């Protein structure tokens, strides 16, 4: 069975993507990373079968551990500080956070590419 690792899985888009995957790709194991556990009321049954990792994507060692443990075939990166209001209050911190978490994932993948097939 193929695995997908979704960062920011507990967010709005993460929930809808999980719902889509559950309906269209039943043979895909879902793993997710976020700062909070998902609290969706719109995802169909089966959301409890998701393997969830509570993590800060700024922690490179933890990202490495999660990617090595899950060995995903696909990674969907949705995590970000996405509050517009917060980005106006702390623009530099918001930019650095969103850039750094993306770079942490890319750095980990480049050292040990988990992707084996580009077709979902």
N, C-alpha and C. Protein backbone atom coordinates (compact mmCIF):
# COMPACT_ATOMS: atom_id res chain seq x y z
N UNK A 1 0.84 -1.17 0.00
CA UNK A 1 0.00 0.00 0.00
C UNK A 1 0.89 1.24 0.00
N UNK A 2 0.57 2.20 -0.84
CA UNK A 2 1.32 3.45 -0.91
C UNK A 2 0.89 4.37 0.23
N UNK A 3 1.82 5.27 0.61
CA UNK A 3 1.56 6.21 1.70
C UNK A 3 1.72 7.64 1.21
N UNK A 4 0.89 8.50 1.78
CA UNK A 4 1.03 9.93 1.56
C UNK A 4 1.22 10.59 2.92
N UNK A 5 2.17 11.51 2.98
CA UNK A 5 2.41 12.30 4.18
C UNK A 5 1.95 13.73 3.89
N UNK A 6 1.01 14.21 4.69
CA UNK A 6 0.43 15.53 4.47
C UNK A 6 0.84 16.43 5.64
N UNK A 7 1.59 17.49 5.33
CA UNK A 7 1.90 18.47 6.37
C UNK A 7 0.74 19.45 6.45
N UNK A 8 0.48 19.93 7.65
CA UNK A 8 -0.66 20.84 7.82
C UNK A 8 -1.99 20.13 7.66
N UNK A 9 -2.01 18.85 7.99
CA UNK A 9 -3.20 18.02 7.75
C UNK A 9 -4.42 18.50 8.53
N UNK A 10 -4.22 19.15 9.67
CA UNK A 10 -5.38 19.53 10.48
C UNK A 10 -6.06 20.80 10.00
N UNK A 11 -5.49 21.45 8.99
CA UNK A 11 -6.07 22.68 8.48
C UNK A 11 -7.26 22.45 7.56
N UNK A 12 -7.84 23.53 7.12
CA UNK A 12 -9.02 23.52 6.26
C UNK A 12 -8.77 22.72 4.97
N UNK A 13 -7.71 23.05 4.25
CA UNK A 13 -7.41 22.36 2.99
C UNK A 13 -7.03 20.91 3.27
N UNK A 14 -6.28 20.67 4.34
CA UNK A 14 -5.89 19.31 4.70
C UNK A 14 -7.10 18.41 4.90
N UNK A 15 -8.09 18.91 5.58
CA UNK A 15 -9.30 18.13 5.82
C UNK A 15 -10.03 17.78 4.54
N UNK A 16 -10.16 18.74 3.65
CA UNK A 16 -10.83 18.47 2.39
C UNK A 16 -10.02 17.54 1.50
N UNK A 17 -8.69 17.65 1.57
CA UNK A 17 -7.87 16.73 0.78
C UNK A 17 -8.00 15.30 1.33
N UNK A 18 -8.01 15.16 2.64
CA UNK A 18 -8.19 13.84 3.25
C UNK A 18 -9.54 13.26 2.83
N UNK A 19 -10.57 14.07 2.86
CA UNK A 19 -11.89 13.62 2.44
C UNK A 19 -11.85 13.13 0.99
N UNK A 20 -11.19 13.88 0.13
CA UNK A 20 -11.04 13.51 -1.28
C UNK A 20 -10.29 12.18 -1.41
N UNK A 21 -9.18 12.05 -0.72
CA UNK A 21 -8.37 10.82 -0.81
C UNK A 21 -9.17 9.62 -0.30
N UNK A 22 -9.89 9.80 0.80
CA UNK A 22 -10.68 8.70 1.35
C UNK A 22 -11.76 8.24 0.36
N UNK A 23 -12.29 9.15 -0.42
CA UNK A 23 -13.35 8.81 -1.37
C UNK A 23 -12.81 8.26 -2.69
N UNK A 24 -11.60 8.63 -3.07
CA UNK A 24 -11.11 8.28 -4.41
C UNK A 24 -9.89 7.36 -4.44
N UNK A 25 -9.17 7.25 -3.35
CA UNK A 25 -7.95 6.45 -3.31
C UNK A 25 -7.95 5.59 -2.03
N UNK A 26 -8.84 4.65 -1.96
CA UNK A 26 -9.01 3.84 -0.76
C UNK A 26 -7.75 3.05 -0.40
N UNK A 27 -6.89 2.84 -1.36
CA UNK A 27 -5.69 2.03 -1.13
C UNK A 27 -4.49 2.88 -0.72
N UNK A 28 -4.71 4.12 -0.33
CA UNK A 28 -3.63 5.02 0.04
C UNK A 28 -3.66 5.24 1.55
N UNK A 29 -2.56 4.91 2.21
CA UNK A 29 -2.44 5.13 3.65
C UNK A 29 -2.09 6.59 3.89
N UNK A 30 -2.80 7.22 4.81
CA UNK A 30 -2.61 8.65 5.07
C UNK A 30 -1.90 8.86 6.40
N UNK A 31 -0.81 9.63 6.33
CA UNK A 31 -0.09 10.07 7.52
C UNK A 31 -0.11 11.59 7.49
N UNK A 32 -0.15 12.21 8.65
CA UNK A 32 -0.20 13.67 8.67
C UNK A 32 0.62 14.27 9.78
N UNK A 33 1.08 15.48 9.53
CA UNK A 33 1.82 16.26 10.52
C UNK A 33 1.10 17.59 10.70
N UNK A 34 0.92 17.97 11.96
CA UNK A 34 0.41 19.30 12.27
C UNK A 34 0.68 19.61 13.73
N UNK A 35 0.48 20.86 14.09
CA UNK A 35 0.69 21.25 15.49
C UNK A 35 -0.45 20.80 16.37
N UNK A 36 -1.62 20.57 15.77
CA UNK A 36 -2.80 20.16 16.53
C UNK A 36 -3.43 18.95 15.88
N UNK A 37 -4.16 18.20 16.66
CA UNK A 37 -4.91 17.08 16.09
C UNK A 37 -6.03 17.62 15.22
N UNK A 38 -6.32 16.95 14.10
CA UNK A 38 -7.43 17.39 13.25
C UNK A 38 -8.75 17.35 14.01
N UNK A 39 -9.60 18.32 13.74
CA UNK A 39 -10.92 18.40 14.36
C UNK A 39 -11.93 18.71 13.27
N UNK A 40 -12.09 17.76 12.34
CA UNK A 40 -12.99 17.98 11.22
C UNK A 40 -14.37 17.42 11.52
N UNK A 41 -15.37 18.09 11.04
CA UNK A 41 -16.73 17.54 11.14
C UNK A 41 -17.28 17.24 9.74
N UNK A 42 -16.43 17.41 8.72
CA UNK A 42 -16.90 17.21 7.35
C UNK A 42 -16.20 16.05 6.65
N UNK A 43 -15.25 15.40 7.29
CA UNK A 43 -14.54 14.29 6.67
C UNK A 43 -15.32 13.01 6.91
N UNK A 44 -15.53 12.24 5.84
CA UNK A 44 -16.27 10.99 5.96
C UNK A 44 -15.58 10.02 6.90
N UNK A 45 -16.27 8.98 7.24
CA UNK A 45 -15.76 7.94 8.13
C UNK A 45 -14.40 7.46 7.66
N UNK A 46 -13.57 7.07 8.59
CA UNK A 46 -12.25 6.58 8.24
C UNK A 46 -11.15 7.56 8.60
N UNK A 47 -11.51 8.75 9.02
CA UNK A 47 -10.49 9.74 9.39
C UNK A 47 -9.69 9.27 10.59
N UNK A 48 -10.28 8.40 11.40
CA UNK A 48 -9.57 7.90 12.58
C UNK A 48 -8.43 6.96 12.19
N UNK A 49 -8.41 6.50 10.95
CA UNK A 49 -7.34 5.59 10.50
C UNK A 49 -6.07 6.34 10.08
N UNK A 50 -6.08 7.66 10.17
CA UNK A 50 -4.92 8.47 9.80
C UNK A 50 -3.88 8.39 10.91
N UNK A 51 -2.62 8.20 10.53
CA UNK A 51 -1.54 8.25 11.49
C UNK A 51 -1.13 9.71 11.61
N UNK A 52 -1.27 10.28 12.80
CA UNK A 52 -1.00 11.70 13.00
C UNK A 52 0.25 11.90 13.85
N UNK A 53 1.06 12.85 13.43
CA UNK A 53 2.24 13.25 14.18
C UNK A 53 2.08 14.70 14.58
N UNK A 54 2.11 14.96 15.87
CA UNK A 54 2.06 16.33 16.35
C UNK A 54 3.49 16.84 16.36
N UNK A 55 3.76 17.86 15.53
CA UNK A 55 5.14 18.31 15.38
C UNK A 55 5.21 19.74 14.90
N UNK A 56 6.34 20.36 15.19
CA UNK A 56 6.69 21.67 14.67
C UNK A 56 7.65 21.43 13.51
N UNK A 57 7.29 21.88 12.33
CA UNK A 57 8.11 21.62 11.15
C UNK A 57 9.41 22.42 11.14
N UNK A 58 9.63 23.25 12.14
CA UNK A 58 10.92 23.92 12.29
C UNK A 58 11.95 23.01 12.94
N UNK A 59 11.51 21.87 13.45
CA UNK A 59 12.40 20.91 14.10
C UNK A 59 12.90 19.91 13.06
N UNK A 60 14.07 20.17 12.48
CA UNK A 60 14.60 19.36 11.39
C UNK A 60 14.81 17.91 11.79
N UNK A 61 15.28 17.66 13.01
CA UNK A 61 15.50 16.28 13.46
C UNK A 61 14.19 15.51 13.56
N UNK A 62 13.15 16.18 14.02
CA UNK A 62 11.84 15.52 14.11
C UNK A 62 11.27 15.25 12.73
N UNK A 63 11.46 16.18 11.80
CA UNK A 63 11.00 15.96 10.42
C UNK A 63 11.70 14.75 9.83
N UNK A 64 13.01 14.69 10.04
CA UNK A 64 13.79 13.55 9.56
C UNK A 64 13.23 12.24 10.12
N UNK A 65 12.98 12.21 11.42
CA UNK A 65 12.46 11.00 12.09
C UNK A 65 11.10 10.60 11.51
N UNK A 66 10.22 11.56 11.32
CA UNK A 66 8.88 11.25 10.82
C UNK A 66 8.94 10.73 9.38
N UNK A 67 9.74 11.37 8.55
CA UNK A 67 9.84 10.92 7.15
C UNK A 67 10.48 9.54 7.08
N UNK A 68 11.50 9.29 7.90
CA UNK A 68 12.11 7.96 7.92
C UNK A 68 11.14 6.91 8.44
N UNK A 69 10.34 7.27 9.44
CA UNK A 69 9.38 6.32 10.02
C UNK A 69 8.23 6.01 9.07
N UNK A 70 7.72 7.04 8.40
CA UNK A 70 6.55 6.83 7.54
C UNK A 70 6.93 6.31 6.15
N UNK A 71 8.12 6.63 5.68
CA UNK A 71 8.56 6.24 4.33
C UNK A 71 7.47 6.53 3.30
N UNK A 72 7.08 7.80 3.16
CA UNK A 72 5.98 8.12 2.24
C UNK A 72 6.38 7.99 0.78
N UNK A 73 5.41 7.62 -0.03
CA UNK A 73 5.59 7.62 -1.48
C UNK A 73 5.30 9.00 -2.04
N UNK A 74 4.45 9.75 -1.33
CA UNK A 74 4.07 11.09 -1.75
C UNK A 74 4.08 12.01 -0.52
N UNK A 75 4.39 13.28 -0.76
CA UNK A 75 4.31 14.28 0.29
C UNK A 75 3.53 15.47 -0.27
N UNK A 76 2.51 15.88 0.48
CA UNK A 76 1.76 17.08 0.14
C UNK A 76 2.01 18.08 1.26
N UNK A 77 2.65 19.19 0.91
CA UNK A 77 3.01 20.19 1.91
C UNK A 77 1.96 21.30 1.94
N UNK A 78 1.16 21.32 3.00
CA UNK A 78 0.13 22.33 3.18
C UNK A 78 0.37 23.21 4.40
N UNK A 79 1.34 22.86 5.22
CA UNK A 79 1.56 23.59 6.47
C UNK A 79 2.08 24.99 6.20
N UNK A 80 1.57 25.92 6.98
CA UNK A 80 2.03 27.31 6.89
C UNK A 80 1.38 28.12 8.00
N UNK A 81 1.98 29.23 8.29
CA UNK A 81 1.31 30.22 9.11
C UNK A 81 0.44 30.98 8.11
N UNK A 82 -0.85 30.72 8.13
CA UNK A 82 -1.71 31.21 7.04
C UNK A 82 -2.63 32.35 7.45
N UNK A 83 -2.54 32.80 8.67
CA UNK A 83 -3.40 33.89 9.10
C UNK A 83 -2.94 35.21 8.47
N UNK A 84 -3.80 35.81 7.70
CA UNK A 84 -3.47 37.09 7.07
C UNK A 84 -3.24 38.15 8.15
N UNK A 85 -4.10 38.17 9.15
CA UNK A 85 -3.95 39.15 10.24
C UNK A 85 -2.59 38.99 10.92
N UNK A 86 -2.21 37.76 11.21
CA UNK A 86 -0.91 37.52 11.85
C UNK A 86 0.24 37.91 10.93
N UNK A 87 0.09 37.66 9.65
CA UNK A 87 1.17 38.01 8.72
C UNK A 87 1.39 39.52 8.64
N UNK A 88 0.33 40.29 8.84
CA UNK A 88 0.48 41.75 8.84
C UNK A 88 1.12 42.22 10.15
N UNK A 89 0.83 41.51 11.24
CA UNK A 89 1.43 41.88 12.53
C UNK A 89 2.91 41.51 12.59
N UNK A 90 3.23 40.33 12.05
CA UNK A 90 4.61 39.83 12.12
C UNK A 90 5.04 39.32 10.74
N UNK A 91 5.22 40.22 9.79
CA UNK A 91 5.52 39.79 8.42
C UNK A 91 6.83 39.00 8.28
N UNK A 92 7.87 39.44 8.96
CA UNK A 92 9.16 38.74 8.84
C UNK A 92 9.07 37.35 9.46
N UNK A 93 8.48 37.25 10.64
CA UNK A 93 8.33 35.94 11.29
C UNK A 93 7.47 35.00 10.46
N UNK A 94 6.40 35.52 9.89
CA UNK A 94 5.52 34.69 9.05
C UNK A 94 6.27 34.17 7.83
N UNK A 95 6.99 35.08 7.17
CA UNK A 95 7.75 34.68 5.99
C UNK A 95 8.83 33.66 6.34
N UNK A 96 9.58 33.93 7.39
CA UNK A 96 10.65 33.00 7.79
C UNK A 96 10.10 31.64 8.18
N UNK A 97 9.00 31.63 8.92
CA UNK A 97 8.39 30.35 9.29
C UNK A 97 7.99 29.55 8.05
N UNK A 98 7.25 30.18 7.16
CA UNK A 98 6.74 29.45 5.99
C UNK A 98 7.87 29.01 5.07
N UNK A 99 8.89 29.82 4.93
CA UNK A 99 10.03 29.46 4.10
C UNK A 99 10.85 28.35 4.74
N UNK A 100 11.11 28.49 6.03
CA UNK A 100 11.95 27.51 6.72
C UNK A 100 11.31 26.13 6.80
N UNK A 101 10.01 26.06 7.05
CA UNK A 101 9.40 24.73 7.13
C UNK A 101 9.42 24.05 5.76
N UNK A 102 9.24 24.83 4.70
CA UNK A 102 9.34 24.26 3.35
C UNK A 102 10.76 23.76 3.09
N UNK A 103 11.75 24.57 3.43
CA UNK A 103 13.15 24.18 3.21
C UNK A 103 13.54 22.96 4.05
N UNK A 104 13.02 22.86 5.26
CA UNK A 104 13.31 21.68 6.10
C UNK A 104 12.82 20.40 5.43
N UNK A 105 11.63 20.44 4.86
CA UNK A 105 11.09 19.26 4.19
C UNK A 105 11.91 18.94 2.94
N UNK A 106 12.19 19.95 2.14
CA UNK A 106 12.98 19.75 0.91
C UNK A 106 14.37 19.21 1.23
N UNK A 107 15.00 19.77 2.26
CA UNK A 107 16.33 19.30 2.65
C UNK A 107 16.29 17.83 3.05
N UNK A 108 15.29 17.45 3.81
CA UNK A 108 15.18 16.05 4.26
C UNK A 108 14.93 15.15 3.06
N UNK A 109 14.09 15.54 2.15
CA UNK A 109 13.79 14.72 0.97
C UNK A 109 15.00 14.60 0.07
N UNK A 110 15.73 15.68 -0.10
CA UNK A 110 16.89 15.65 -1.00
C UNK A 110 17.98 14.71 -0.49
N UNK A 111 18.04 14.52 0.82
CA UNK A 111 19.05 13.62 1.38
C UNK A 111 18.63 12.16 1.32
N UNK A 112 17.33 11.92 1.24
CA UNK A 112 16.82 10.56 1.18
C UNK A 112 15.47 10.59 0.47
N UNK A 113 15.48 10.65 -0.87
CA UNK A 113 14.22 10.84 -1.61
C UNK A 113 13.22 9.70 -1.37
N UNK A 114 12.03 10.04 -0.82
CA UNK A 114 11.03 9.01 -0.59
C UNK A 114 10.15 8.76 -1.80
N UNK A 115 10.15 9.66 -2.77
CA UNK A 115 9.22 9.57 -3.88
C UNK A 115 9.69 8.51 -4.89
N UNK A 116 8.81 7.57 -5.19
CA UNK A 116 9.14 6.48 -6.09
C UNK A 116 8.35 6.51 -7.38
N UNK A 117 7.24 7.25 -7.37
CA UNK A 117 6.34 7.28 -8.52
C UNK A 117 5.63 8.62 -8.51
N UNK A 118 5.55 9.25 -9.64
CA UNK A 118 4.92 10.58 -9.68
C UNK A 118 3.42 10.52 -9.95
N UNK A 119 2.85 9.33 -10.05
CA UNK A 119 1.44 9.20 -10.36
C UNK A 119 0.65 8.80 -9.13
N UNK A 120 -0.36 9.58 -8.79
CA UNK A 120 -1.21 9.25 -7.64
C UNK A 120 -2.44 8.54 -8.15
